[in-house]
Amino acid sequence: MSRSRKKVPAGVCCCCKSQKRGKRVASKRFRRRTKVLISQAKYELLPTRSIELTSPWDLGGDGKTYYGCHPDCEWYVRVMRK
C-alpha cells in the first residue's frame, strides 16, 4: 500500500487523528438507551439518531479542513498518504 493516496485533500484539525473513540461511546450510549426503553415498553421515547443523546461537539477533533491542492509541497505529500 505504499502508493495508496487520499482522493480528497482534507483532514481533521487539532490533536486527534480520528473521532473513533467518541463515535464508539455515542453508539454504545445509543444502543444501551434503546435496549432499556424497549425493555420498559416506552416505545414513544425511543431515540431515532445517536445525535439525540450525544452532541457531535463532544467528539474528538475540531472538525475537518480542506488543504487545497499543493502537489509540489513536502507537507502536502505527507498529508495525502493514508
PDB file of N, CA and C in Angstrom:
ATOM      1  N   MET A   1       0.824  -1.195   0.000  1.00  0.00           N
ATOM      2  CA  MET A   1       0.000   0.000   0.000  1.00  0.00           C
ATOM      3  C   MET A   1       0.868   1.259   0.000  1.00  0.00           C
ATOM      4  N   SER A   2       2.076   1.155  -0.420  1.00  0.00           N
ATOM      5  CA  SER A   2       2.955   2.315  -0.389  1.00  0.00           C
ATOM      6  C   SER A   2       2.535   3.391  -1.374  1.00  0.00           C
ATOM      7  N   ARG A   3       1.748   3.026  -2.359  1.00  0.00           N
ATOM      8  CA  ARG A   3       1.324   4.015  -3.348  1.00  0.00           C
ATOM      9  C   ARG A   3      -0.096   4.510  -3.123  1.00  0.00           C
ATOM     10  N   SER A   4      -0.759   4.053  -2.081  1.00  0.00           N
ATOM     11  CA  SER A   4      -2.133   4.486  -1.863  1.00  0.00           C
ATOM     12  C   SER A   4      -2.147   5.922  -1.349  1.00  0.00           C
ATOM     13  N   ARG A   5      -3.036   6.696  -1.884  1.00  0.00           N
ATOM     14  CA  ARG A   5      -3.156   8.112  -1.541  1.00  0.00           C
ATOM     15  C   ARG A   5      -4.617   8.464  -1.299  1.00  0.00           C
ATOM     16  N   LYS A   6      -4.851   9.514  -0.534  1.00  0.00           N
ATOM     17  CA  LYS A   6      -6.196  10.034  -0.354  1.00  0.00           C
ATOM     18  C   LYS A   6      -6.672  10.654  -1.660  1.00  0.00           C
ATOM     19  N   LYS A   7      -7.973  10.648  -1.864  1.00  0.00           N
ATOM     20  CA  LYS A   7      -8.527  11.262  -3.063  1.00  0.00           C
ATOM     21  C   LYS A   7      -8.849  12.736  -2.838  1.00  0.00           C
ATOM     22  N   VAL A   8      -9.200  13.094  -1.613  1.00  0.00           N
ATOM     23  CA  VAL A   8      -9.565  14.471  -1.287  1.00  0.00           C
ATOM     24  C   VAL A   8      -8.580  15.001  -0.252  1.00  0.00           C
ATOM     25  N   PRO A   9      -7.970  16.154  -0.497  1.00  0.00           N
ATOM     26  CA  PRO A   9      -7.008  16.709   0.467  1.00  0.00           C
ATOM     27  C   PRO A   9      -7.700  17.385   1.646  1.00  0.00           C
ATOM     28  N   ALA A  10      -8.225  16.590   2.563  1.00  0.00           N
ATOM     29  CA  ALA A  10      -8.889  17.116   3.747  1.00  0.00           C
ATOM     30  C   ALA A  10      -8.479  16.275   4.945  1.00  0.00           C
ATOM     31  N   GLY A  11      -8.546  16.868   6.136  1.00  0.00           N
ATOM     32  CA  GLY A  11      -8.179  16.141   7.341  1.00  0.00           C
ATOM     33  C   GLY A  11      -8.749  16.799   8.576  1.00  0.00           C
ATOM     34  N   VAL A  12      -8.544  16.161   9.725  1.00  0.00           N
ATOM     35  CA  VAL A  12      -9.055  16.650  10.998  1.00  0.00           C
ATOM     36  C   VAL A  12      -8.095  17.676  11.578  1.00  0.00           C
ATOM     37  N   CYS A  13      -8.638  18.741  12.128  1.00  0.00           N
ATOM     38  CA  CYS A  13      -7.828  19.770  12.787  1.00  0.00           C
ATOM     39  C   CYS A  13      -7.485  19.307  14.202  1.00  0.00           C
ATOM     40  N   CYS A  14      -6.509  19.915  14.789  1.00  0.00           N
ATOM     41  CA  CYS A  14      -6.159  19.771  16.199  1.00  0.00           C
ATOM     42  C   CYS A  14      -5.416  18.483  16.509  1.00  0.00           C
ATOM     43  N   CYS A  15      -5.620  17.964  17.708  1.00  0.00           N
ATOM     44  CA  CYS A  15      -4.734  16.952  18.263  1.00  0.00           C
ATOM     45  C   CYS A  15      -5.075  15.514  17.908  1.00  0.00           C
ATOM     46  N   CYS A  16      -6.298  15.195  17.588  1.00  0.00           N
ATOM     47  CA  CYS A  16      -6.614  13.784  17.353  1.00  0.00           C
ATOM     48  C   CYS A  16      -6.699  13.487  15.860  1.00  0.00           C
ATOM     49  N   LYS A  17      -6.372  12.268  15.502  1.00  0.00           N
ATOM     50  CA  LYS A  17      -6.409  11.878  14.092  1.00  0.00           C
ATOM     51  C   LYS A  17      -7.782  11.378  13.684  1.00  0.00           C
ATOM     52  N   SER A  18      -8.558  10.850  14.623  1.00  0.00           N
ATOM     53  CA  SER A  18      -9.884  10.356  14.269  1.00  0.00           C
ATOM     54  C   SER A  18     -10.840  10.582  15.436  1.00  0.00           C
ATOM     55  N   GLN A  19     -12.101  10.368  15.161  1.00  0.00           N
ATOM     56  CA  GLN A  19     -13.137  10.523  16.172  1.00  0.00           C
ATOM     57  C   GLN A  19     -13.677   9.159  16.588  1.00  0.00           C
ATOM     58  N   LYS A  20     -12.854   8.145  16.435  1.00  0.00           N
ATOM     59  CA  LYS A  20     -13.281   6.768  16.658  1.00  0.00           C
ATOM     60  C   LYS A  20     -13.782   6.533  18.081  1.00  0.00           C
ATOM     61  N   ARG A  21     -13.046   6.995  19.072  1.00  0.00           N
ATOM     62  CA  ARG A  21     -13.432   6.757  20.469  1.00  0.00           C
ATOM     63  C   ARG A  21     -14.773   7.422  20.788  1.00  0.00           C
ATOM     64  N   GLY A  22     -14.950   8.648  20.346  1.00  0.00           N
ATOM     65  CA  GLY A  22     -16.208   9.351  20.588  1.00  0.00           C
ATOM     66  C   GLY A  22     -17.386   8.691  19.897  1.00  0.00           C
ATOM     67  N   LYS A  23     -17.161   8.207  18.687  1.00  0.00           N
ATOM     68  CA  LYS A  23     -18.232   7.524  17.959  1.00  0.00           C
ATOM     69  C   LYS A  23     -18.597   6.210  18.634  1.00  0.00           C
ATOM     70  N   ARG A  24     -17.598   5.518  19.169  1.00  0.00           N
ATOM     71  CA  ARG A  24     -17.875   4.267  19.878  1.00  0.00           C
ATOM     72  C   ARG A  24     -18.699   4.529  21.137  1.00  0.00           C
ATOM     73  N   VAL A  25     -18.360   5.575  21.874  1.00  0.00           N
ATOM     74  CA  VAL A  25     -19.105   5.923  23.085  1.00  0.00           C
ATOM     75  C   VAL A  25     -20.537   6.312  22.727  1.00  0.00           C
ATOM     76  N   ALA A  26     -20.701   7.103  21.668  1.00  0.00           N
ATOM     77  CA  ALA A  26     -22.032   7.534  21.252  1.00  0.00           C
ATOM     78  C   ALA A  26     -22.892   6.344  20.831  1.00  0.00           C
ATOM     79  N   SER A  27     -22.311   5.407  20.100  1.00  0.00           N
ATOM     80  CA  SER A  27     -23.060   4.224  19.663  1.00  0.00           C
ATOM     81  C   SER A  27     -23.442   3.346  20.847  1.00  0.00           C
ATOM     82  N   LYS A  28     -22.515   3.196  21.786  1.00  0.00           N
ATOM     83  CA  LYS A  28     -22.796   2.391  22.972  1.00  0.00           C
ATOM     84  C   LYS A  28     -23.919   3.024  23.801  1.00  0.00           C
ATOM     85  N   ARG A  29     -23.868   4.335  23.954  1.00  0.00           N
ATOM     86  CA  ARG A  29     -24.900   5.054  24.700  1.00  0.00           C
ATOM     87  C   ARG A  29     -26.263   4.906  24.016  1.00  0.00           C
ATOM     88  N   PHE A  30     -26.266   5.014  22.686  1.00  0.00           N
ATOM     89  CA  PHE A  30     -27.499   4.891  21.909  1.00  0.00           C
ATOM     90  C   PHE A  30     -28.090   3.490  22.037  1.00  0.00           C
ATOM     91  N   ARG A  31     -27.245   2.450  21.897  1.00  0.00           N
ATOM     92  CA  ARG A  31     -27.734   1.074  21.994  1.00  0.00           C
ATOM     93  C   ARG A  31     -28.258   0.761  23.391  1.00  0.00           C
ATOM     94  N   ARG A  32     -27.548   1.231  24.410  1.00  0.00           N
ATOM     95  CA  ARG A  32     -27.968   0.985  25.794  1.00  0.00           C
ATOM     96  C   ARG A  32     -29.305   1.649  26.082  1.00  0.00           C
ATOM     97  N   ARG A  33     -29.444   2.908  25.669  1.00  0.00           N
ATOM     98  CA  ARG A  33     -30.688   3.644  25.908  1.00  0.00           C
ATOM     99  C   ARG A  33     -31.862   2.970  25.193  1.00  0.00           C
ATOM    100  N   THR A  34     -31.630   2.528  23.960  1.00  0.00           N
ATOM    101  CA  THR A  34     -32.669   1.848  23.196  1.00  0.00           C
ATOM    102  C   THR A  34     -33.076   0.542  23.870  1.00  0.00           C
ATOM    103  N   LYS A  35     -32.091  -0.219  24.318  1.00  0.00           N
ATOM    104  CA  LYS A  35     -32.364  -1.503  24.967  1.00  0.00           C
ATOM    105  C   LYS A  35     -33.187  -1.316  26.240  1.00  0.00           C
ATOM    106  N   VAL A  36     -32.846  -0.312  27.042  1.00  0.00           N
ATOM    107  CA  VAL A  36     -33.562  -0.066  28.296  1.00  0.00           C
ATOM    108  C   VAL A  36     -34.997   0.373  28.021  1.00  0.00           C
ATOM    109  N   LEU A  37     -35.186   1.278  27.068  1.00  0.00           N
ATOM    110  CA  LEU A  37     -36.532   1.768  26.770  1.00  0.00           C
ATOM    111  C   LEU A  37     -37.415   0.680  26.165  1.00  0.00           C
ATOM    112  N   ILE A  38     -36.841  -0.203  25.363  1.00  0.00           N
ATOM    113  CA  ILE A  38     -37.627  -1.307  24.811  1.00  0.00           C
ATOM    114  C   ILE A  38     -38.035  -2.275  25.916  1.00  0.00           C
ATOM    115  N   SER A  39     -37.136  -2.540  26.856  1.00  0.00           N
ATOM    116  CA  SER A  39     -37.479  -3.450  27.956  1.00  0.00           C
ATOM    117  C   SER A  39     -38.548  -2.859  28.868  1.00  0.00           C
ATOM    118  N   GLN A  40     -38.627  -1.526  28.926  1.00  0.00           N
ATOM    119  CA  GLN A  40     -39.647  -0.857  29.736  1.00  0.00           C
ATOM    120  C   GLN A  40     -40.914  -0.572  28.934  1.00  0.00           C
ATOM    121  N   ALA A  41     -40.939  -0.940  27.666  1.00  0.00           N
ATOM    122  CA  ALA A  41     -42.078  -0.743  26.756  1.00  0.00           C
ATOM    123  C   ALA A  41     -42.430   0.737  26.593  1.00  0.00           C
ATOM    124  N   LYS A  42     -41.429   1.601  26.573  1.00  0.00           N
ATOM    125  CA  LYS A  42     -41.636   3.038  26.349  1.00  0.00           C
ATOM    126  C   LYS A  42     -41.201   3.372  24.921  1.00  0.00           C
ATOM    127  N   TYR A  43     -41.974   2.871  23.966  1.00  0.00           N
ATOM    128  CA  TYR A  43     -41.593   2.973  22.566  1.00  0.00           C
ATOM    129  C   TYR A  43     -41.648   4.402  22.039  1.00  0.00           C
ATOM    130  N   GLU A  44     -42.478   5.242  22.621  1.00  0.00           N
ATOM    131  CA  GLU A  44     -42.589   6.631  22.145  1.00  0.00           C
ATOM    132  C   GLU A  44     -41.358   7.465  22.510  1.00  0.00           C
ATOM    133  N   LEU A  45     -40.562   7.009  23.469  1.00  0.00           N
ATOM    134  CA  LEU A  45     -39.364   7.744  23.890  1.00  0.00           C
ATOM    135  C   LEU A  45     -38.089   7.273  23.195  1.00  0.00           C
ATOM    136  N   LEU A  46     -38.205   6.288  22.307  1.00  0.00           N
ATOM    137  CA  LEU A  46     -37.020   5.749  21.640  1.00  0.00           C
ATOM    138  C   LEU A  46     -36.330   6.818  20.797  1.00  0.00           C
ATOM    139  N   PRO A  47     -35.023   6.954  20.942  1.00  0.00           N
ATOM    140  CA  PRO A  47     -34.293   7.899  20.089  1.00  0.00           C
ATOM    141  C   PRO A  47     -34.170   7.335  18.676  1.00  0.00           C
ATOM    142  N   THR A  48     -34.192   8.230  17.694  1.00  0.00           N
ATOM    143  CA  THR A  48     -34.065   7.777  16.306  1.00  0.00           C
ATOM    144  C   THR A  48     -32.635   7.910  15.809  1.00  0.00           C
ATOM    145  N   ARG A  49     -31.875   8.820  16.391  1.00  0.00           N
ATOM    146  CA  ARG A  49     -30.484   9.031  15.977  1.00  0.00           C
ATOM    147  C   ARG A  49     -29.619   9.201  17.219  1.00  0.00           C
ATOM    148  N   SER A  50     -28.354   8.840  17.112  1.00  0.00           N
ATOM    149  CA  SER A  50     -27.457   8.945  18.267  1.00  0.00           C
ATOM    150  C   SER A  50     -27.168  10.397  18.629  1.00  0.00           C
ATOM    151  N   ILE A  51     -27.406  11.326  17.697  1.00  0.00           N
ATOM    152  CA  ILE A  51     -27.154  12.743  17.969  1.00  0.00           C
ATOM    153  C   ILE A  51     -28.122  13.283  19.033  1.00  0.00           C
ATOM    154  N   GLU A  52     -29.234  12.581  19.254  1.00  0.00           N
ATOM    155  CA  GLU A  52     -30.184  12.993  20.286  1.00  0.00           C
ATOM    156  C   GLU A  52     -29.618  12.773  21.691  1.00  0.00           C
ATOM    157  N   LEU A  53     -28.649  11.868  21.819  1.00  0.00           N
ATOM    158  CA  LEU A  53     -28.077  11.549  23.126  1.00  0.00           C
ATOM    159  C   LEU A  53     -26.678  12.117  23.321  1.00  0.00           C
ATOM    160  N   THR A  54     -25.931  12.258  22.243  1.00  0.00           N
ATOM    161  CA  THR A  54     -24.550  12.724  22.317  1.00  0.00           C
ATOM    162  C   THR A  54     -24.342  13.860  21.330  1.00  0.00           C
ATOM    163  N   SER A  55     -23.775  14.930  21.798  1.00  0.00           N
ATOM    164  CA  SER A  55     -23.503  16.069  20.928  1.00  0.00           C
ATOM    165  C   SER A  55     -22.295  15.779  20.044  1.00  0.00           C
ATOM    166  N   PRO A  56     -22.354  16.151  18.759  1.00  0.00           N
ATOM    167  CA  PRO A  56     -21.176  15.958  17.915  1.00  0.00           C
ATOM    168  C   PRO A  56     -19.998  16.822  18.348  1.00  0.00           C
ATOM    169  N   TRP A  57     -20.258  17.838  19.143  1.00  0.00           N
ATOM    170  CA  TRP A  57     -19.189  18.699  19.646  1.00  0.00           C
ATOM    171  C   TRP A  57     -18.380  18.006  20.733  1.00  0.00           C
ATOM    172  N   ASP A  58     -18.894  16.894  21.275  1.00  0.00           N
ATOM    173  CA  ASP A  58     -18.163  16.140  22.292  1.00  0.00           C
ATOM    174  C   ASP A  58     -17.147  15.174  21.688  1.00  0.00           C
ATOM    175  N   LEU A  59     -17.205  14.966  20.383  1.00  0.00           N
ATOM    176  CA  LEU A  59     -16.264  14.069  19.719  1.00  0.00           C
ATOM    177  C   LEU A  59     -14.891  14.721  19.647  1.00  0.00           C
ATOM    178  N   GLY A  60     -13.874  13.909  19.436  1.00  0.00           N
ATOM    179  CA  GLY A  60     -12.521  14.436  19.346  1.00  0.00           C
ATOM    180  C   GLY A  60     -12.310  15.266  18.093  1.00  0.00           C
ATOM    181  N   GLY A  61     -11.344  16.150  18.133  1.00  0.00           N
ATOM    182  CA  GLY A  61     -11.023  16.979  16.968  1.00  0.00           C
ATOM    183  C   GLY A  61     -11.854  18.241  16.921  1.00  0.00           C
ATOM    184  N   ASP A  62     -11.437  19.156  16.085  1.00  0.00           N
ATOM    185  CA  ASP A  62     -12.156  20.416  15.935  1.00  0.00           C
ATOM    186  C   ASP A  62     -12.867  20.497  14.600  1.00  0.00           C
ATOM    187  N   GLY A  63     -13.027  19.391  13.948  1.00  0.00           N
ATOM    188  CA  GLY A  63     -13.679  19.389  12.652  1.00  0.00           C
ATOM    189  C   GLY A  63     -12.691  19.110  11.539  1.00  0.00           C
ATOM    190  N   LYS A  64     -13.167  19.191  10.335  1.00  0.00           N
ATOM    191  CA  LYS A  64     -12.313  18.911   9.185  1.00  0.00           C
ATOM    192  C   LYS A  64     -11.942  20.202   8.478  1.00  0.00           C
ATOM    193  N   THR A  65     -10.850  20.151   7.773  1.00  0.00           N
ATOM    194  CA  THR A  65     -10.414  21.296   6.988  1.00  0.00           C
ATOM    195  C   THR A  65      -9.952  20.807   5.624  1.00  0.00           C
ATOM    196  N   TYR A  66     -10.090  21.659   4.631  1.00  0.00           N
ATOM    197  CA  TYR A  66      -9.676  21.351   3.269  1.00  0.00           C
ATOM    198  C   TYR A  66      -8.332  22.010   3.038  1.00  0.00           C
ATOM    199  N   TYR A  67      -7.335  21.229   2.603  1.00  0.00           N
ATOM    200  CA  TYR A  67      -5.983  21.741   2.452  1.00  0.00           C
ATOM    201  C   TYR A  67      -5.706  22.364   1.097  1.00  0.00           C
ATOM    202  N   GLY A  68      -6.510  22.071   0.106  1.00  0.00           N
ATOM    203  CA  GLY A  68      -6.246  22.575  -1.234  1.00  0.00           C
ATOM    204  C   GLY A  68      -5.241  21.693  -1.960  1.00  0.00           C
ATOM    205  N   CYS A  69      -4.934  22.044  -3.180  1.00  0.00           N
ATOM    206  CA  CYS A  69      -4.037  21.227  -3.998  1.00  0.00           C
ATOM    207  C   CYS A  69      -2.673  21.901  -4.112  1.00  0.00           C
ATOM    208  N   HIS A  70      -1.658  21.321  -3.467  1.00  0.00           N
ATOM    209  CA  HIS A  70      -0.282  21.824  -3.499  1.00  0.00           C
ATOM    210  C   HIS A  70       0.667  20.644  -3.710  1.00  0.00           C
ATOM    211  N   PRO A  71       0.649  20.011  -4.885  1.00  0.00           N
ATOM    212  CA  PRO A  71       1.425  18.777  -5.076  1.00  0.00           C
ATOM    213  C   PRO A  71       2.937  18.957  -4.988  1.00  0.00           C
ATOM    214  N   ASP A  72       3.445  20.184  -5.077  1.00  0.00           N
ATOM    215  CA  ASP A  72       4.888  20.401  -5.024  1.00  0.00           C
ATOM    216  C   ASP A  72       5.424  20.534  -3.603  1.00  0.00           C
ATOM    217  N   CYS A  73       4.556  20.756  -2.640  1.00  0.00           N
ATOM    218  CA  CYS A  73       4.992  20.981  -1.258  1.00  0.00           C
ATOM    219  C   CYS A  73       5.215  19.656  -0.528  1.00  0.00           C
ATOM    220  N   GLU A  74       6.182  19.663   0.386  1.00  0.00           N
ATOM    221  CA  GLU A  74       6.519  18.459   1.142  1.00  0.00           C
ATOM    222  C   GLU A  74       5.402  18.070   2.110  1.00  0.00           C
ATOM    223  N   TRP A  75       4.795  19.049   2.774  1.00  0.00           N
ATOM    224  CA  TRP A  75       3.735  18.760   3.734  1.00  0.00           C
ATOM    225  C   TRP A  75       2.516  18.156   3.043  1.00  0.00           C
ATOM    226  N   TYR A  76       2.263  18.555   1.805  1.00  0.00           N
ATOM    227  CA  TYR A  76       1.115  18.039   1.056  1.00  0.00           C
ATOM    228  C   TYR A  76       1.276  16.540   0.786  1.00  0.00           C
ATOM    229  N   VAL A  77       2.492  16.132   0.477  1.00  0.00           N
ATOM    230  CA  VAL A  77       2.760  14.715   0.214  1.00  0.00           C
ATOM    231  C   VAL A  77       2.512  13.893   1.480  1.00  0.00           C
ATOM    232  N   ARG A  78       2.913  14.408   2.643  1.00  0.00           N
ATOM    233  CA  ARG A  78       2.690  13.704   3.906  1.00  0.00           C
ATOM    234  C   ARG A  78       1.206  13.624   4.249  1.00  0.00           C
ATOM    235  N   VAL A  79       0.471  14.704   4.001  1.00  0.00           N
ATOM    236  CA  VAL A  79      -0.954  14.734   4.320  1.00  0.00           C
ATOM    237  C   VAL A  79      -1.737  13.758   3.445  1.00  0.00           C
ATOM    238  N   MET A  80      -1.344  13.626   2.203  1.00  0.00           N
ATOM    239  CA  MET A  80      -2.090  12.794   1.264  1.00  0.00           C
ATOM    240  C   MET A  80      -1.823  11.299   1.416  1.00  0.00           C
ATOM    241  N   ARG A  81      -0.813  10.906   2.211  1.00  0.00           N
ATOM    242  CA  ARG A  81      -0.593   9.487   2.480  1.00  0.00           C
ATOM    243  C   ARG A  81      -1.689   8.957   3.376  1.00  0.00           C
ATOM    244  N   LYS A  82      -2.024   7.687   3.207  1.00  0.00           N
ATOM    245  CA  LYS A  82      -3.040   7.083   4.076  1.00  0.00           C
ATOM    246  C   LYS A  82      -2.398   6.534   5.320  1.00  0.00           C
TER     247      LYS A  82
END
